[in-house]
Amino acid sequence: KYSTQHYTIIFNAFVWMQLFNEVNARKLENEINMFKGLLQNYVFLVVMLVTIIVQVLFVEAGGRFTSTEHLSAAQWLGCIFIGFISLPVGVLMRFIPTPSE
């Protein structure tokens, strides 16, 4: 049986993948630079910041309520790195040809 910490890592990595995918989803079609205009989109930045704060609170302070356990700094970095991988994957996916309508 897996530990609560194991499930916390999976949950945390999943949320970070979603956060980085939100950055990817800002640009449509074949636009490569998903960071263009990022700092001018205040609503997006606030949503990202609130999501990150809530995620940290869920993992670090949620306890039995969220069925999570404290993660070490290395585990946090590992989860964030796994989420970060979605950025280059999103760029690569833009090079996959799709049929035009």
N, C-alpha and C. Protein backbone atom coordinates (compact mmCIF):
# COMPACT_ATOMS: atom_id res chain seq x y z
N LYS A 1 0.85 -1.19 0.00
CA LYS A 1 0.00 0.00 0.00
C LYS A 1 0.89 1.24 0.00
N TYR A 2 0.46 2.25 -0.77
CA TYR A 2 1.23 3.48 -0.86
C TYR A 2 0.93 4.41 0.32
N SER A 3 1.90 5.23 0.67
CA SER A 3 1.74 6.14 1.79
C SER A 3 1.01 7.41 1.36
N THR A 4 0.55 8.16 2.34
CA THR A 4 -0.09 9.44 2.06
C THR A 4 0.89 10.37 1.37
N GLN A 5 2.16 10.29 1.74
CA GLN A 5 3.16 11.14 1.11
C GLN A 5 3.29 10.83 -0.38
N HIS A 6 3.20 9.56 -0.72
CA HIS A 6 3.26 9.16 -2.14
C HIS A 6 2.11 9.81 -2.91
N TYR A 7 0.91 9.73 -2.37
CA TYR A 7 -0.24 10.34 -3.04
C TYR A 7 -0.14 11.86 -3.07
N THR A 8 0.46 12.45 -2.03
CA THR A 8 0.66 13.89 -2.01
C THR A 8 1.58 14.32 -3.14
N ILE A 9 2.65 13.56 -3.39
CA ILE A 9 3.57 13.88 -4.48
C ILE A 9 2.85 13.79 -5.82
N ILE A 10 2.05 12.76 -6.01
CA ILE A 10 1.30 12.62 -7.27
C ILE A 10 0.34 13.79 -7.45
N PHE A 11 -0.40 14.11 -6.40
CA PHE A 11 -1.34 15.23 -6.44
C PHE A 11 -0.62 16.54 -6.73
N ASN A 12 0.48 16.79 -6.04
CA ASN A 12 1.23 18.03 -6.21
C ASN A 12 1.80 18.15 -7.62
N ALA A 13 2.38 17.08 -8.12
CA ALA A 13 2.93 17.10 -9.48
C ALA A 13 1.81 17.35 -10.50
N PHE A 14 0.66 16.75 -10.30
CA PHE A 14 -0.47 16.95 -11.21
C PHE A 14 -0.90 18.43 -11.23
N VAL A 15 -1.00 19.04 -10.07
CA VAL A 15 -1.41 20.44 -10.00
C VAL A 15 -0.38 21.32 -10.70
N TRP A 16 0.91 21.05 -10.50
CA TRP A 16 1.94 21.84 -11.18
C TRP A 16 1.91 21.64 -12.69
N MET A 17 1.59 20.43 -13.13
CA MET A 17 1.44 20.23 -14.58
C MET A 17 0.29 21.08 -15.11
N GLN A 18 -0.79 21.16 -14.36
CA GLN A 18 -1.93 21.98 -14.77
C GLN A 18 -1.56 23.46 -14.80
N LEU A 19 -0.81 23.91 -13.81
CA LEU A 19 -0.40 25.31 -13.78
C LEU A 19 0.47 25.67 -14.98
N PHE A 20 1.45 24.83 -15.28
CA PHE A 20 2.30 25.11 -16.43
C PHE A 20 1.52 24.96 -17.74
N ASN A 21 0.55 24.07 -17.76
CA ASN A 21 -0.28 23.93 -18.95
C ASN A 21 -1.15 25.16 -19.17
N GLU A 22 -1.55 25.83 -18.10
CA GLU A 22 -2.28 27.08 -18.24
C GLU A 22 -1.43 28.12 -18.96
N VAL A 23 -0.13 28.13 -18.68
CA VAL A 23 0.77 29.04 -19.39
C VAL A 23 0.82 28.64 -20.87
N ASN A 24 0.92 27.34 -21.13
CA ASN A 24 0.92 26.85 -22.52
C ASN A 24 -0.35 27.23 -23.26
N ALA A 25 -1.46 27.17 -22.57
CA ALA A 25 -2.76 27.38 -23.22
C ALA A 25 -3.05 28.85 -23.50
N ARG A 26 -2.20 29.74 -23.05
CA ARG A 26 -2.41 31.17 -23.31
C ARG A 26 -2.32 31.48 -24.79
N LYS A 27 -1.54 30.73 -25.54
CA LYS A 27 -1.35 31.00 -26.96
C LYS A 27 -1.95 29.88 -27.78
N LEU A 28 -2.61 30.27 -28.85
CA LEU A 28 -3.25 29.30 -29.72
C LEU A 28 -2.49 29.20 -31.03
N GLU A 29 -2.92 28.27 -31.84
CA GLU A 29 -2.32 28.05 -33.16
C GLU A 29 -0.84 27.70 -33.02
N ASN A 30 0.01 28.36 -33.81
CA ASN A 30 1.42 28.00 -33.83
C ASN A 30 2.30 29.05 -33.16
N GLU A 31 1.74 29.81 -32.25
CA GLU A 31 2.52 30.80 -31.53
C GLU A 31 3.45 30.09 -30.54
N ILE A 32 4.74 30.34 -30.68
CA ILE A 32 5.72 29.62 -29.86
C ILE A 32 5.92 30.28 -28.50
N ASN A 33 5.99 31.60 -28.46
CA ASN A 33 6.31 32.31 -27.22
C ASN A 33 5.07 32.48 -26.36
N MET A 34 4.87 31.52 -25.46
CA MET A 34 3.69 31.57 -24.60
C MET A 34 3.84 32.58 -23.47
N PHE A 35 5.04 33.16 -23.32
CA PHE A 35 5.27 34.14 -22.26
C PHE A 35 4.99 35.57 -22.72
N LYS A 36 4.81 35.77 -24.02
CA LYS A 36 4.57 37.11 -24.56
C LYS A 36 3.31 37.70 -23.95
N GLY A 37 3.44 38.87 -23.34
CA GLY A 37 2.31 39.55 -22.72
C GLY A 37 1.87 38.99 -21.39
N LEU A 38 2.61 38.05 -20.84
CA LEU A 38 2.22 37.40 -19.59
C LEU A 38 2.09 38.40 -18.45
N LEU A 39 3.04 39.31 -18.33
CA LEU A 39 3.03 40.24 -17.21
C LEU A 39 1.98 41.34 -17.35
N GLN A 40 1.37 41.46 -18.52
CA GLN A 40 0.30 42.44 -18.70
C GLN A 40 -1.08 41.85 -18.42
N ASN A 41 -1.15 40.55 -18.26
CA ASN A 41 -2.43 39.89 -18.02
C ASN A 41 -2.60 39.68 -16.51
N TYR A 42 -3.11 40.71 -15.83
CA TYR A 42 -3.18 40.69 -14.37
C TYR A 42 -4.16 39.64 -13.83
N VAL A 43 -5.25 39.41 -14.53
CA VAL A 43 -6.20 38.40 -14.08
C VAL A 43 -5.55 37.03 -14.09
N PHE A 44 -4.83 36.72 -15.16
CA PHE A 44 -4.14 35.45 -15.25
C PHE A 44 -3.12 35.31 -14.12
N LEU A 45 -2.35 36.36 -13.86
CA LEU A 45 -1.33 36.31 -12.81
C LEU A 45 -1.96 36.11 -11.44
N VAL A 46 -3.08 36.77 -11.19
CA VAL A 46 -3.76 36.61 -9.89
C VAL A 46 -4.28 35.19 -9.74
N VAL A 47 -4.88 34.65 -10.79
CA VAL A 47 -5.38 33.27 -10.73
C VAL A 47 -4.23 32.30 -10.47
N MET A 48 -3.12 32.49 -11.15
CA MET A 48 -1.95 31.62 -10.94
C MET A 48 -1.44 31.74 -9.50
N LEU A 49 -1.31 32.97 -9.01
CA LEU A 49 -0.80 33.18 -7.67
C LEU A 49 -1.71 32.56 -6.61
N VAL A 50 -3.01 32.77 -6.76
CA VAL A 50 -3.97 32.20 -5.80
C VAL A 50 -3.91 30.67 -5.86
N THR A 51 -3.83 30.11 -7.05
CA THR A 51 -3.74 28.65 -7.18
C THR A 51 -2.49 28.11 -6.51
N ILE A 52 -1.37 28.79 -6.68
CA ILE A 52 -0.12 28.35 -6.05
C ILE A 52 -0.22 28.44 -4.53
N ILE A 53 -0.78 29.53 -4.02
CA ILE A 53 -0.92 29.68 -2.57
C ILE A 53 -1.82 28.60 -2.00
N VAL A 54 -2.96 28.36 -2.65
CA VAL A 54 -3.88 27.32 -2.18
C VAL A 54 -3.22 25.94 -2.25
N GLN A 55 -2.44 25.68 -3.29
CA GLN A 55 -1.76 24.39 -3.40
C GLN A 55 -0.76 24.19 -2.26
N VAL A 56 0.01 25.22 -1.97
CA VAL A 56 0.97 25.13 -0.87
C VAL A 56 0.23 24.89 0.45
N LEU A 57 -0.86 25.60 0.66
CA LEU A 57 -1.63 25.40 1.89
C LEU A 57 -2.23 24.00 1.95
N PHE A 58 -2.77 23.51 0.82
CA PHE A 58 -3.32 22.15 0.80
C PHE A 58 -2.28 21.12 1.19
N VAL A 59 -1.09 21.24 0.61
CA VAL A 59 -0.06 20.23 0.84
C VAL A 59 0.54 20.38 2.23
N GLU A 60 0.90 21.59 2.60
CA GLU A 60 1.64 21.79 3.84
C GLU A 60 0.77 21.88 5.08
N ALA A 61 -0.47 22.34 4.94
CA ALA A 61 -1.31 22.53 6.12
C ALA A 61 -2.62 21.76 6.05
N GLY A 62 -2.87 21.08 4.94
CA GLY A 62 -4.14 20.39 4.77
C GLY A 62 -4.33 19.21 5.69
N GLY A 63 -3.26 18.46 5.89
CA GLY A 63 -3.31 17.32 6.80
C GLY A 63 -4.40 16.32 6.45
N ARG A 64 -5.14 15.92 7.45
CA ARG A 64 -6.19 14.92 7.24
C ARG A 64 -7.33 15.46 6.40
N PHE A 65 -7.58 16.78 6.47
CA PHE A 65 -8.67 17.39 5.71
C PHE A 65 -8.47 17.18 4.21
N THR A 66 -7.24 17.33 3.72
CA THR A 66 -6.95 17.15 2.30
C THR A 66 -6.21 15.85 2.01
N SER A 67 -6.00 15.05 3.04
CA SER A 67 -5.27 13.78 2.92
C SER A 67 -3.88 13.98 2.30
N THR A 68 -3.18 15.00 2.79
CA THR A 68 -1.83 15.28 2.30
C THR A 68 -0.85 15.32 3.46
N GLU A 69 0.43 15.22 3.12
CA GLU A 69 1.51 15.30 4.10
C GLU A 69 2.52 16.34 3.65
N HIS A 70 3.27 16.84 4.61
CA HIS A 70 4.36 17.78 4.34
C HIS A 70 5.34 17.15 3.35
N LEU A 71 5.83 17.95 2.40
CA LEU A 71 6.85 17.49 1.46
C LEU A 71 8.14 18.24 1.72
N SER A 72 9.25 17.57 1.49
CA SER A 72 10.56 18.21 1.64
C SER A 72 10.80 19.16 0.47
N ALA A 73 11.83 19.98 0.60
CA ALA A 73 12.17 20.92 -0.48
C ALA A 73 12.51 20.16 -1.76
N ALA A 74 13.22 19.06 -1.64
CA ALA A 74 13.56 18.25 -2.82
C ALA A 74 12.32 17.69 -3.49
N GLN A 75 11.36 17.26 -2.70
CA GLN A 75 10.11 16.73 -3.26
C GLN A 75 9.32 17.83 -3.95
N TRP A 76 9.29 19.02 -3.35
CA TRP A 76 8.62 20.15 -3.99
C TRP A 76 9.28 20.48 -5.32
N LEU A 77 10.61 20.55 -5.33
CA LEU A 77 11.32 20.85 -6.57
C LEU A 77 11.07 19.79 -7.62
N GLY A 78 11.03 18.53 -7.20
CA GLY A 78 10.75 17.45 -8.13
C GLY A 78 9.36 17.59 -8.75
N CYS A 79 8.37 17.92 -7.93
CA CYS A 79 7.00 18.11 -8.43
C CYS A 79 6.94 19.29 -9.40
N ILE A 80 7.60 20.38 -9.05
CA ILE A 80 7.59 21.56 -9.92
C ILE A 80 8.31 21.24 -11.23
N PHE A 81 9.40 20.50 -11.16
CA PHE A 81 10.13 20.13 -12.37
C PHE A 81 9.27 19.25 -13.28
N ILE A 82 8.56 18.30 -12.70
CA ILE A 82 7.67 17.44 -13.49
C ILE A 82 6.62 18.31 -14.18
N GLY A 83 6.08 19.28 -13.45
CA GLY A 83 5.12 20.19 -14.06
C GLY A 83 5.73 21.03 -15.15
N PHE A 84 6.97 21.46 -14.94
CA PHE A 84 7.68 22.30 -15.92
C PHE A 84 7.85 21.58 -17.26
N ILE A 85 7.95 20.27 -17.22
CA ILE A 85 8.13 19.49 -18.46
C ILE A 85 7.01 19.76 -19.45
N SER A 86 5.84 20.14 -18.96
CA SER A 86 4.72 20.40 -19.88
C SER A 86 4.98 21.62 -20.76
N LEU A 87 5.86 22.54 -20.37
CA LEU A 87 6.15 23.69 -21.22
C LEU A 87 6.83 23.28 -22.52
N PRO A 88 7.97 22.57 -22.48
CA PRO A 88 8.57 22.15 -23.76
C PRO A 88 7.69 21.18 -24.54
N VAL A 89 6.92 20.35 -23.84
CA VAL A 89 6.01 19.45 -24.54
C VAL A 89 4.97 20.27 -25.31
N GLY A 90 4.47 21.33 -24.69
CA GLY A 90 3.50 22.19 -25.35
C GLY A 90 4.09 22.86 -26.58
N VAL A 91 5.35 23.28 -26.50
CA VAL A 91 6.01 23.88 -27.67
C VAL A 91 6.17 22.84 -28.77
N LEU A 92 6.62 21.65 -28.41
CA LEU A 92 6.78 20.59 -29.42
C LEU A 92 5.46 20.23 -30.08
N MET A 93 4.38 20.25 -29.32
CA MET A 93 3.08 19.91 -29.88
C MET A 93 2.63 20.92 -30.94
N ARG A 94 3.13 22.12 -30.86
CA ARG A 94 2.77 23.14 -31.86
C ARG A 94 3.37 22.83 -33.23
N PHE A 95 4.36 21.97 -33.27
CA PHE A 95 4.99 21.60 -34.53
C PHE A 95 4.33 20.39 -35.19
N ILE A 96 3.37 19.77 -34.53
CA ILE A 96 2.65 18.64 -35.10
C ILE A 96 1.64 19.19 -36.10
N PRO A 97 1.74 18.79 -37.36
CA PRO A 97 0.80 19.33 -38.35
C PRO A 97 -0.62 18.84 -38.10
N THR A 98 -1.55 19.74 -38.29
CA THR A 98 -2.96 19.40 -38.14
C THR A 98 -3.67 19.76 -39.44
N PRO A 99 -4.70 19.02 -39.80
CA PRO A 99 -5.42 19.34 -41.03
C PRO A 99 -6.10 20.70 -40.91
N SER A 100 -6.00 21.49 -41.96
CA SER A 100 -6.65 22.80 -41.94
C SER A 100 -8.12 22.62 -42.29
N GLU A 101 -8.93 23.51 -41.78
CA GLU A 101 -10.37 23.39 -41.99
C GLU A 101 -10.82 24.20 -43.16
